[in-house]
């Protein structure tokens, strides 16, 4: 999984498409990204004991088309 430390500020997106994949869907996300000629965007994720997730993109995606893959 592509995760980075919390101390790094978000970076500028390299394209107008941001693809994120979580958990068991990383492989499917990588396949889709490859078909689109893109890469999965870096993110930080954390699963809490009650099953909730915290997801934090590590690149700015305010002007991007964002798609996420999750189990």
Protein backbone atom coordinates (compact mmCIF):
# COMPACT_ATOMS: atom_id res chain seq x y z
CA UNK A 1 0.00 0.00 0.00
CA UNK A 2 1.23 3.49 -0.76
CA UNK A 3 1.35 5.37 2.49
CA UNK A 4 3.52 8.22 3.68
CA UNK A 5 4.22 9.84 7.02
CA UNK A 6 1.80 12.41 8.41
CA UNK A 7 4.55 14.99 8.60
CA UNK A 8 4.77 15.47 4.83
CA UNK A 9 2.49 18.15 3.34
CA UNK A 10 0.25 17.22 0.39
CA UNK A 11 2.01 17.65 -2.93
CA UNK A 12 0.63 18.92 -6.22
CA UNK A 13 -1.14 16.25 -8.27
CA UNK A 14 0.72 15.15 -11.40
CA UNK A 15 -2.47 14.77 -13.45
CA UNK A 16 -6.14 15.71 -13.39
CA UNK A 17 -7.07 12.15 -12.38
CA UNK A 18 -6.55 10.80 -8.86
CA UNK A 19 -7.08 7.08 -8.30
CA UNK A 20 -7.05 5.69 -4.77
CA UNK A 21 -7.31 2.04 -3.71
CA UNK A 22 -7.78 0.60 -0.22
CA UNK A 23 -7.15 -2.75 1.34
CA UNK A 24 -8.12 -5.78 -0.71
CA UNK A 25 -8.89 -3.63 -3.77
CA UNK A 26 -5.33 -2.36 -4.31
CA UNK A 27 -4.68 -4.99 -6.96
CA UNK A 28 -7.87 -4.05 -8.86
CA UNK A 29 -6.99 -0.36 -8.50
CA UNK A 30 -3.52 -0.97 -9.91
CA UNK A 31 -5.04 -2.85 -12.87
CA UNK A 32 -7.43 0.03 -13.62
CA UNK A 33 -4.64 2.57 -13.24
CA UNK A 34 -2.47 0.61 -15.69
CA UNK A 35 -5.32 0.47 -18.24
CA UNK A 36 -5.70 4.25 -17.93
CA UNK A 37 -1.96 4.89 -18.16
CA UNK A 38 -2.00 6.34 -14.64
CA UNK A 39 -0.71 5.46 -11.19
CA UNK A 40 -2.51 5.11 -7.89
CA UNK A 41 -2.29 8.33 -5.93
CA UNK A 42 -0.42 8.14 -2.61
CA UNK A 43 -2.52 8.12 0.52
CA UNK A 44 -2.38 7.54 4.22
CA UNK A 45 -5.00 5.23 5.63
CA UNK A 46 -5.81 3.96 9.06
CA UNK A 47 -8.35 1.39 10.14
CA UNK A 48 -9.87 1.91 13.57
CA UNK A 49 -10.90 -0.89 15.93
CA UNK A 50 -14.61 -0.31 15.20
CA UNK A 51 -14.05 -0.85 11.46
CA UNK A 52 -14.01 2.81 10.39
CA UNK A 53 -11.28 4.13 8.09
CA UNK A 54 -9.43 7.41 8.01
CA UNK A 55 -8.18 8.24 4.54
CA UNK A 56 -5.91 11.18 3.75
CA UNK A 57 -4.73 11.90 0.22
CA UNK A 58 -1.05 12.85 0.12
CA UNK A 59 -1.41 14.96 -2.98
CA UNK A 60 -3.80 17.83 -3.60
CA UNK A 61 -6.77 16.65 -5.60
CA UNK A 62 -9.19 19.59 -5.34
CA UNK A 63 -9.22 20.13 -9.14
CA UNK A 64 -8.90 16.44 -10.04
CA UNK A 65 -11.41 13.79 -10.93
CA UNK A 66 -11.19 11.43 -7.95
CA UNK A 67 -12.05 7.73 -7.95
CA UNK A 68 -11.56 5.32 -5.07
CA UNK A 69 -11.59 1.53 -4.93
CA UNK A 70 -12.43 -0.17 -1.66
CA UNK A 71 -13.42 -3.66 -0.54
